[in-house]
């Protein structure tokens, strides 16, 4: 009886494995894993573009495409390149006739509108400060950087001021959250941490600043035997001199 059950169980799971394998193959045939999952308001919704190719193969610079950044004083500004920017290089007959060179579906191509921003940022002001990469690197080397930085440090040996904050673009096609500056980058210079007052310096009213993990029973959830590790994650908002009893 036991042997029969074991045999049935083995046959059952073998069928499940074969079924999963077939589904995986089908998904592989129909899915394009070279493109990220994009929201409907993504600037890449209808574009074929590679940051990696333009930065490493054509040796284009950030300023070639995002020239407006140097005069941008508001986070609401749309600093994405326009078609006019692209045609500075792609000005041949082929580019004008073969729209699919850049647009996956030329019939639905449209301008991208910047989404609402819930923070303040002045690119012009920060750009005038020069290359901040050595400053961030020094904070990491001295142990004052308030986040994990193992993979980050090697990207900061750069003379490109844009790459100081927007790292890894030379290794990816489509930019995303991973290429945006971390909160810890900002806190290298904006080191006076006094929540919630210091938060309001950059984050506008209505911004979701409080982490979703901070539920009413949060104190029970984050006082584990890994208390020191848990406390490390608090530094990004509360600084290095906070006491747990300051909140509880």
C-alpha atoms as a PDB file:
ATOM      1  CA  UNK A   1       0.000   0.000   0.000  1.00  0.00           C
ATOM      2  CA  UNK A   2       2.786   2.394   0.953  1.00  0.00           C
ATOM      3  CA  UNK A   3       4.672   1.556  -2.229  1.00  0.00           C
ATOM      4  CA  UNK A   4       1.557   2.324  -4.287  1.00  0.00           C
ATOM      5  CA  UNK A   5       1.143   5.702  -2.599  1.00  0.00           C
ATOM      6  CA  UNK A   6       4.810   6.535  -3.107  1.00  0.00           C
ATOM      7  CA  UNK A   7       4.582   5.531  -6.758  1.00  0.00           C
ATOM      8  CA  UNK A   8       1.447   7.659  -7.243  1.00  0.00           C
ATOM      9  CA  UNK A   9       3.084  10.617  -5.511  1.00  0.00           C
ATOM     10  CA  UNK A  10       6.187  10.315  -7.673  1.00  0.00           C
ATOM     11  CA  UNK A  11       4.124  10.190 -10.869  1.00  0.00           C
ATOM     12  CA  UNK A  12       2.056  13.177  -9.724  1.00  0.00           C
ATOM     13  CA  UNK A  13       5.069  15.413  -9.057  1.00  0.00           C
ATOM     14  CA  UNK A  14       6.781  14.278 -12.245  1.00  0.00           C
ATOM     15  CA  UNK A  15       3.741  15.488 -14.201  1.00  0.00           C
ATOM     16  CA  UNK A  16       3.816  18.804 -12.321  1.00  0.00           C
ATOM     17  CA  UNK A  17       7.488  19.336 -13.173  1.00  0.00           C
ATOM     18  CA  UNK A  18       6.834  18.584 -16.858  1.00  0.00           C
ATOM     19  CA  UNK A  19       3.886  20.980 -16.857  1.00  0.00           C
ATOM     20  CA  UNK A  20       5.937  23.762 -15.283  1.00  0.00           C
ATOM     21  CA  UNK A  21       8.710  23.176 -17.810  1.00  0.00           C
ATOM     22  CA  UNK A  22       6.269  23.460 -20.726  1.00  0.00           C
ATOM     23  CA  UNK A  23       4.754  26.661 -19.359  1.00  0.00           C
ATOM     24  CA  UNK A  24       8.234  28.113 -18.879  1.00  0.00           C
ATOM     25  CA  UNK A  25       9.121  27.357 -22.496  1.00  0.00           C
ATOM     26  CA  UNK A  26       5.913  28.981 -23.737  1.00  0.00           C
ATOM     27  CA  UNK A  27       6.564  32.065 -21.656  1.00  0.00           C
ATOM     28  CA  UNK A  28      10.053  32.249 -23.076  1.00  0.00           C
ATOM     29  CA  UNK A  29       8.668  32.198 -26.618  1.00  0.00           C
ATOM     30  CA  UNK A  30       6.277  35.065 -26.069  1.00  0.00           C
ATOM     31  CA  UNK A  31       8.084  37.224 -23.519  1.00  0.00           C
ATOM     32  CA  UNK A  32      10.763  39.786 -24.367  1.00  0.00           C
ATOM     33  CA  UNK A  33      13.011  39.800 -21.330  1.00  0.00           C
ATOM     34  CA  UNK A  34      15.306  42.401 -22.913  1.00  0.00           C
ATOM     35  CA  UNK A  35      12.811  45.115 -21.979  1.00  0.00           C
ATOM     36  CA  UNK A  36      11.780  45.972 -18.428  1.00  0.00           C
ATOM     37  CA  UNK A  37       8.228  45.916 -17.154  1.00  0.00           C
ATOM     38  CA  UNK A  38       7.092  49.474 -17.779  1.00  0.00           C
ATOM     39  CA  UNK A  39       4.249  51.579 -16.476  1.00  0.00           C
ATOM     40  CA  UNK A  40       1.966  53.341 -18.941  1.00  0.00           C
ATOM     41  CA  UNK A  41       3.598  56.698 -18.205  1.00  0.00           C
ATOM     42  CA  UNK A  42       7.140  55.473 -18.816  1.00  0.00           C
ATOM     43  CA  UNK A  43       9.271  57.505 -21.242  1.00  0.00           C
ATOM     44  CA  UNK A  44      10.385  54.143 -22.727  1.00  0.00           C
ATOM     45  CA  UNK A  45       6.853  52.962 -23.428  1.00  0.00           C
ATOM     46  CA  UNK A  46       7.332  53.230 -27.196  1.00  0.00           C
ATOM     47  CA  UNK A  47      11.091  53.611 -27.590  1.00  0.00           C
ATOM     48  CA  UNK A  48      14.013  51.392 -28.478  1.00  0.00           C
ATOM     49  CA  UNK A  49      16.922  52.981 -26.656  1.00  0.00           C
ATOM     50  CA  UNK A  50      20.142  51.991 -24.928  1.00  0.00           C
ATOM     51  CA  UNK A  51      22.007  54.188 -22.472  1.00  0.00           C
ATOM     52  CA  UNK A  52      24.810  51.638 -22.490  1.00  0.00           C
ATOM     53  CA  UNK A  53      25.256  51.802 -26.272  1.00  0.00           C
ATOM     54  CA  UNK A  54      25.188  55.591 -26.472  1.00  0.00           C
ATOM     55  CA  UNK A  55      27.595  56.085 -23.566  1.00  0.00           C
ATOM     56  CA  UNK A  56      30.107  53.335 -24.350  1.00  0.00           C
ATOM     57  CA  UNK A  57      29.910  52.803 -28.121  1.00  0.00           C
ATOM     58  CA  UNK A  58      29.142  56.263 -29.530  1.00  0.00           C
ATOM     59  CA  UNK A  59      30.897  58.090 -26.670  1.00  0.00           C
ATOM     60  CA  UNK A  60      27.958  60.464 -26.310  1.00  0.00           C
ATOM     61  CA  UNK A  61      27.884  62.525 -23.124  1.00  0.00           C
ATOM     62  CA  UNK A  62      24.997  63.112 -20.750  1.00  0.00           C
ATOM     63  CA  UNK A  63      24.941  66.773 -21.803  1.00  0.00           C
ATOM     64  CA  UNK A  64      24.471  65.831 -25.466  1.00  0.00           C
ATOM     65  CA  UNK A  65      20.962  64.577 -24.701  1.00  0.00           C
ATOM     66  CA  UNK A  66      20.047  66.239 -21.402  1.00  0.00           C
ATOM     67  CA  UNK A  67      21.346  69.758 -22.070  1.00  0.00           C
ATOM     68  CA  UNK A  68      18.405  71.422 -20.300  1.00  0.00           C
ATOM     69  CA  UNK A  69      19.509  69.920 -16.965  1.00  0.00           C
ATOM     70  CA  UNK A  70      22.145  72.601 -16.534  1.00  0.00           C
ATOM     71  CA  UNK A  71      19.476  75.299 -16.437  1.00  0.00           C
ATOM     72  CA  UNK A  72      16.858  73.297 -14.548  1.00  0.00           C
ATOM     73  CA  UNK A  73      15.969  74.616 -11.099  1.00  0.00           C
ATOM     74  CA  UNK A  74      12.815  72.572 -10.435  1.00  0.00           C
ATOM     75  CA  UNK A  75      12.060  68.869 -10.116  1.00  0.00           C
ATOM     76  CA  UNK A  76       8.966  69.543 -12.231  1.00  0.00           C
ATOM     77  CA  UNK A  77      11.087  70.324 -15.302  1.00  0.00           C
ATOM     78  CA  UNK A  78      11.065  67.788 -18.111  1.00  0.00           C
ATOM     79  CA  UNK A  79      14.740  67.230 -18.906  1.00  0.00           C
ATOM     80  CA  UNK A  80      14.307  64.291 -21.245  1.00  0.00           C
ATOM     81  CA  UNK A  81      15.677  64.764 -24.770  1.00  0.00           C
ATOM     82  CA  UNK A  82      13.255  65.803 -27.478  1.00  0.00           C
ATOM     83  CA  UNK A  83      13.228  64.457 -31.020  1.00  0.00           C
ATOM     84  CA  UNK A  84      15.220  67.550 -31.959  1.00  0.00           C
ATOM     85  CA  UNK A  85      18.013  66.377 -29.668  1.00  0.00           C
ATOM     86  CA  UNK A  86      18.059  62.944 -31.302  1.00  0.00           C
ATOM     87  CA  UNK A  87      18.178  64.408 -34.828  1.00  0.00           C
ATOM     88  CA  UNK A  88      21.411  66.207 -34.029  1.00  0.00           C
ATOM     89  CA  UNK A  89      23.065  62.838 -34.689  1.00  0.00           C
ATOM     90  CA  UNK A  90      20.304  60.806 -36.330  1.00  0.00           C
ATOM     91  CA  UNK A  91      19.815  63.296 -39.153  1.00  0.00           C
ATOM     92  CA  UNK A  92      20.206  61.024 -42.170  1.00  0.00           C
ATOM     93  CA  UNK A  93      17.552  59.868 -44.609  1.00  0.00           C
ATOM     94  CA  UNK A  94      17.386  56.453 -42.944  1.00  0.00           C
ATOM     95  CA  UNK A  95      16.401  57.908 -39.589  1.00  0.00           C
ATOM     96  CA  UNK A  96      13.634  60.008 -41.141  1.00  0.00           C
ATOM     97  CA  UNK A  97      12.205  57.118 -43.166  1.00  0.00           C
ATOM     98  CA  UNK A  98      12.657  54.209 -40.784  1.00  0.00           C
ATOM     99  CA  UNK A  99      10.815  55.397 -37.689  1.00  0.00           C
ATOM    100  CA  UNK A 100      11.057  51.936 -36.146  1.00  0.00           C
ATOM    101  CA  UNK A 101      14.756  52.582 -35.641  1.00  0.00           C
ATOM    102  CA  UNK A 102      13.690  54.334 -32.428  1.00  0.00           C
ATOM    103  CA  UNK A 103       9.921  53.854 -32.075  1.00  0.00           C
ATOM    104  CA  UNK A 104       8.519  50.367 -31.537  1.00  0.00           C
ATOM    105  CA  UNK A 105       5.176  51.546 -32.940  1.00  0.00           C
ATOM    106  CA  UNK A 106       5.443  54.870 -34.827  1.00  0.00           C
ATOM    107  CA  UNK A 107       1.659  55.199 -35.063  1.00  0.00           C
ATOM    108  CA  UNK A 108       1.311  55.559 -31.295  1.00  0.00           C
ATOM    109  CA  UNK A 109       4.458  57.628 -30.690  1.00  0.00           C
ATOM    110  CA  UNK A 110       3.844  60.625 -28.448  1.00  0.00           C
ATOM    111  CA  UNK A 111       5.655  63.107 -26.254  1.00  0.00           C
ATOM    112  CA  UNK A 112       6.258  62.093 -22.664  1.00  0.00           C
ATOM    113  CA  UNK A 113       4.954  64.354 -19.925  1.00  0.00           C
ATOM    114  CA  UNK A 114       6.828  64.422 -16.634  1.00  0.00           C
ATOM    115  CA  UNK A 115       4.786  62.934 -13.781  1.00  0.00           C
ATOM    116  CA  UNK A 116       4.030  65.022 -10.675  1.00  0.00           C
ATOM    117  CA  UNK A 117       6.971  65.272  -8.293  1.00  0.00           C
ATOM    118  CA  UNK A 118       6.704  65.314  -4.508  1.00  0.00           C
ATOM    119  CA  UNK A 119      10.185  66.647  -3.829  1.00  0.00           C
ATOM    120  CA  UNK A 120      12.280  69.734  -4.535  1.00  0.00           C
ATOM    121  CA  UNK A 121      15.509  69.557  -6.476  1.00  0.00           C
ATOM    122  CA  UNK A 122      17.678  72.057  -8.337  1.00  0.00           C
ATOM    123  CA  UNK A 123      19.899  70.437 -10.976  1.00  0.00           C
ATOM    124  CA  UNK A 124      21.506  73.745 -11.884  1.00  0.00           C
ATOM    125  CA  UNK A 125      22.540  74.455  -8.301  1.00  0.00           C
ATOM    126  CA  UNK A 126      23.967  70.990  -7.748  1.00  0.00           C
ATOM    127  CA  UNK A 127      25.661  70.965 -11.157  1.00  0.00           C
ATOM    128  CA  UNK A 128      27.473  74.180 -10.311  1.00  0.00           C
ATOM    129  CA  UNK A 129      28.999  72.436  -7.282  1.00  0.00           C
ATOM    130  CA  UNK A 130      31.066  70.290  -9.631  1.00  0.00           C
ATOM    131  CA  UNK A 131      31.751  66.576  -9.402  1.00  0.00           C
ATOM    132  CA  UNK A 132      30.388  65.254  -6.091  1.00  0.00           C
ATOM    133  CA  UNK A 133      31.666  61.708  -6.638  1.00  0.00           C
ATOM    134  CA  UNK A 134      34.867  62.198  -4.574  1.00  0.00           C
ATOM    135  CA  UNK A 135      32.810  63.608  -1.683  1.00  0.00           C
ATOM    136  CA  UNK A 136      30.448  60.616  -1.645  1.00  0.00           C
ATOM    137  CA  UNK A 137      33.409  58.249  -2.009  1.00  0.00           C
ATOM    138  CA  UNK A 138      35.131  59.880   0.971  1.00  0.00           C
ATOM    139  CA  UNK A 139      31.987  59.398   3.081  1.00  0.00           C
ATOM    140  CA  UNK A 140      31.964  55.702   2.193  1.00  0.00           C
ATOM    141  CA  UNK A 141      35.667  55.264   2.907  1.00  0.00           C
ATOM    142  CA  UNK A 142      35.334  56.950   6.305  1.00  0.00           C
ATOM    143  CA  UNK A 143      32.283  54.887   7.289  1.00  0.00           C
ATOM    144  CA  UNK A 144      29.981  57.913   7.393  1.00  0.00           C
ATOM    145  CA  UNK A 145      27.796  56.848   4.469  1.00  0.00           C
ATOM    146  CA  UNK A 146      24.380  55.908   5.871  1.00  0.00           C
ATOM    147  CA  UNK A 147      23.552  52.961   3.627  1.00  0.00           C
ATOM    148  CA  UNK A 148      25.019  49.838   2.047  1.00  0.00           C
ATOM    149  CA  UNK A 149      27.822  50.845  -0.305  1.00  0.00           C
ATOM    150  CA  UNK A 150      29.727  47.724  -1.372  1.00  0.00           C
ATOM    151  CA  UNK A 151      28.634  47.850  -5.017  1.00  0.00           C
ATOM    152  CA  UNK A 152      28.423  51.628  -5.034  1.00  0.00           C
ATOM    153  CA  UNK A 153      32.020  52.555  -4.281  1.00  0.00           C
ATOM    154  CA  UNK A 154      33.555  51.310  -7.531  1.00  0.00           C
ATOM    155  CA  UNK A 155      31.228  53.532  -9.575  1.00  0.00           C
ATOM    156  CA  UNK A 156      32.461  56.707  -7.907  1.00  0.00           C
ATOM    157  CA  UNK A 157      35.908  56.777  -9.518  1.00  0.00           C
ATOM    158  CA  UNK A 158      34.601  59.062 -12.249  1.00  0.00           C
ATOM    159  CA  UNK A 159      35.154  62.544 -13.604  1.00  0.00           C
ATOM    160  CA  UNK A 160      31.581  62.730 -14.914  1.00  0.00           C
ATOM    161  CA  UNK A 161      29.538  64.846 -12.450  1.00  0.00           C
ATOM    162  CA  UNK A 162      26.275  63.239 -13.615  1.00  0.00           C
ATOM    163  CA  UNK A 163      27.483  59.722 -12.787  1.00  0.00           C
ATOM    164  CA  UNK A 164      28.150  60.762  -9.193  1.00  0.00           C
ATOM    165  CA  UNK A 165      24.391  60.493  -8.587  1.00  0.00           C
ATOM    166  CA  UNK A 166      23.089  58.617 -11.650  1.00  0.00           C
ATOM    167  CA  UNK A 167      25.233  55.499 -11.499  1.00  0.00           C
ATOM    168  CA  UNK A 168      25.266  52.399 -13.690  1.00  0.00           C
ATOM    169  CA  UNK A 169      23.778  53.940 -16.836  1.00  0.00           C
ATOM    170  CA  UNK A 170      26.718  52.680 -18.872  1.00  0.00           C
ATOM    171  CA  UNK A 171      25.660  49.126 -18.010  1.00  0.00           C
ATOM    172  CA  UNK A 172      21.953  49.276 -18.780  1.00  0.00           C
ATOM    173  CA  UNK A 173      19.648  50.062 -21.669  1.00  0.00           C
ATOM    174  CA  UNK A 174      16.736  51.617 -19.849  1.00  0.00           C
ATOM    175  CA  UNK A 175      17.218  53.794 -16.808  1.00  0.00           C
ATOM    176  CA  UNK A 176      15.163  53.146 -13.675  1.00  0.00           C
ATOM    177  CA  UNK A 177      15.092  53.614  -9.896  1.00  0.00           C
ATOM    178  CA  UNK A 178      18.477  51.893  -9.570  1.00  0.00           C
ATOM    179  CA  UNK A 179      20.054  54.770 -11.486  1.00  0.00           C
ATOM    180  CA  UNK A 180      18.621  57.482  -9.261  1.00  0.00           C
ATOM    181  CA  UNK A 181      20.535  58.878  -6.270  1.00  0.00           C
ATOM    182  CA  UNK A 182      19.978  57.214  -2.914  1.00  0.00           C
ATOM    183  CA  UNK A 183      18.811  59.110   0.130  1.00  0.00           C
ATOM    184  CA  UNK A 184      22.218  58.434   1.659  1.00  0.00           C
ATOM    185  CA  UNK A 185      23.842  60.366  -1.200  1.00  0.00           C
ATOM    186  CA  UNK A 186      21.903  63.485  -0.251  1.00  0.00           C
ATOM    187  CA  UNK A 187      22.737  63.063   3.431  1.00  0.00           C
ATOM    188  CA  UNK A 188      26.476  63.226   2.757  1.00  0.00           C
ATOM    189  CA  UNK A 189      26.076  67.008   2.446  1.00  0.00           C
ATOM    190  CA  UNK A 190      22.629  67.566   3.987  1.00  0.00           C
ATOM    191  CA  UNK A 191      23.793  66.049   7.251  1.00  0.00           C
ATOM    192  CA  UNK A 192      21.569  67.975   9.679  1.00  0.00           C
ATOM    193  CA  UNK A 193      18.924  65.305  10.270  1.00  0.00           C
ATOM    194  CA  UNK A 194      15.997  66.413  12.407  1.00  0.00           C
ATOM    195  CA  UNK A 195      12.816  64.599  11.320  1.00  0.00           C
ATOM    196  CA  UNK A 196      10.250  65.624  10.361  1.00  0.00           C
ATOM    197  CA  UNK A 197      11.527  69.202   9.999  1.00  0.00           C
ATOM    198  CA  UNK A 198      14.632  68.460   7.924  1.00  0.00           C
ATOM    199  CA  UNK A 199      12.546  66.180   5.671  1.00  0.00           C
ATOM    200  CA  UNK A 200      10.378  69.119   4.607  1.00  0.00           C
ATOM    201  CA  UNK A 201      13.407  70.883   3.156  1.00  0.00           C
ATOM    202  CA  UNK A 202      13.261  68.580   0.109  1.00  0.00           C
ATOM    203  CA  UNK A 203      10.018  66.605   0.401  1.00  0.00           C
ATOM    204  CA  UNK A 204       6.862  68.554  -0.392  1.00  0.00           C
ATOM    205  CA  UNK A 205       3.601  68.414   1.528  1.00  0.00           C
ATOM    206  CA  UNK A 206       1.752  65.179   0.912  1.00  0.00           C
ATOM    207  CA  UNK A 207       4.888  63.157   0.150  1.00  0.00           C
ATOM    208  CA  UNK A 208       4.895  59.644   1.592  1.00  0.00           C
ATOM    209  CA  UNK A 209       7.957  59.894   3.837  1.00  0.00           C
ATOM    210  CA  UNK A 210       7.018  57.494   6.610  1.00  0.00           C
ATOM    211  CA  UNK A 211       7.937  53.927   5.567  1.00  0.00           C
ATOM    212  CA  UNK A 212       5.044  51.509   5.129  1.00  0.00           C
ATOM    213  CA  UNK A 213       6.750  49.283   7.705  1.00  0.00           C
ATOM    214  CA  UNK A 214       6.027  51.826  10.463  1.00  0.00           C
ATOM    215  CA  UNK A 215       2.714  50.341  11.573  1.00  0.00           C
ATOM    216  CA  UNK A 216       1.383  50.780  15.155  1.00  0.00           C
ATOM    217  CA  UNK A 217       3.075  47.513  16.181  1.00  0.00           C
ATOM    218  CA  UNK A 218       6.357  48.426  14.498  1.00  0.00           C
ATOM    219  CA  UNK A 219       8.283  48.424  17.784  1.00  0.00           C
ATOM    220  CA  UNK A 220       7.483  44.729  18.230  1.00  0.00           C
ATOM    221  CA  UNK A 221       8.477  43.924  14.667  1.00  0.00           C
ATOM    222  CA  UNK A 222      11.897  45.566  14.617  1.00  0.00           C
ATOM    223  CA  UNK A 223      13.279  44.747  18.058  1.00  0.00           C
ATOM    224  CA  UNK A 224      14.653  41.348  17.132  1.00  0.00           C
ATOM    225  CA  UNK A 225      17.898  39.687  18.143  1.00  0.00           C
ATOM    226  CA  UNK A 226      19.333  41.507  15.131  1.00  0.00           C
ATOM    227  CA  UNK A 227      18.682  44.809  16.895  1.00  0.00           C
ATOM    228  CA  UNK A 228      21.950  46.346  15.756  1.00  0.00           C
ATOM    229  CA  UNK A 229      21.177  45.546  12.127  1.00  0.00           C
ATOM    230  CA  UNK A 230      17.654  46.897  12.536  1.00  0.00           C
ATOM    231  CA  UNK A 231      19.036  50.078  14.067  1.00  0.00           C
ATOM    232  CA  UNK A 232      21.377  50.466  11.111  1.00  0.00           C
ATOM    233  CA  UNK A 233      18.375  50.799   8.816  1.00  0.00           C
ATOM    234  CA  UNK A 234      17.012  53.650  10.949  1.00  0.00           C
ATOM    235  CA  UNK A 235      20.012  55.907  10.327  1.00  0.00           C
ATOM    236  CA  UNK A 236      18.892  56.931   6.866  1.00  0.00           C
ATOM    237  CA  UNK A 237      15.985  58.895   8.359  1.00  0.00           C
ATOM    238  CA  UNK A 238      17.000  59.432  11.979  1.00  0.00           C
ATOM    239  CA  UNK A 239      20.761  60.002  11.680  1.00  0.00           C
ATOM    240  CA  UNK A 240      23.494  58.385  13.748  1.00  0.00           C
ATOM    241  CA  UNK A 241      22.832  59.965  17.141  1.00  0.00           C
ATOM    242  CA  UNK A 242      19.225  58.903  17.650  1.00  0.00           C
ATOM    243  CA  UNK A 243      18.029  56.857  20.610  1.00  0.00           C
ATOM    244  CA  UNK A 244      15.271  54.275  20.330  1.00  0.00           C
ATOM    245  CA  UNK A 245      13.507  55.894  23.296  1.00  0.00           C
ATOM    246  CA  UNK A 246      13.390  59.132  21.341  1.00  0.00           C
ATOM    247  CA  UNK A 247      10.524  57.621  19.366  1.00  0.00           C
ATOM    248  CA  UNK A 248       9.229  55.092  21.908  1.00  0.00           C
END
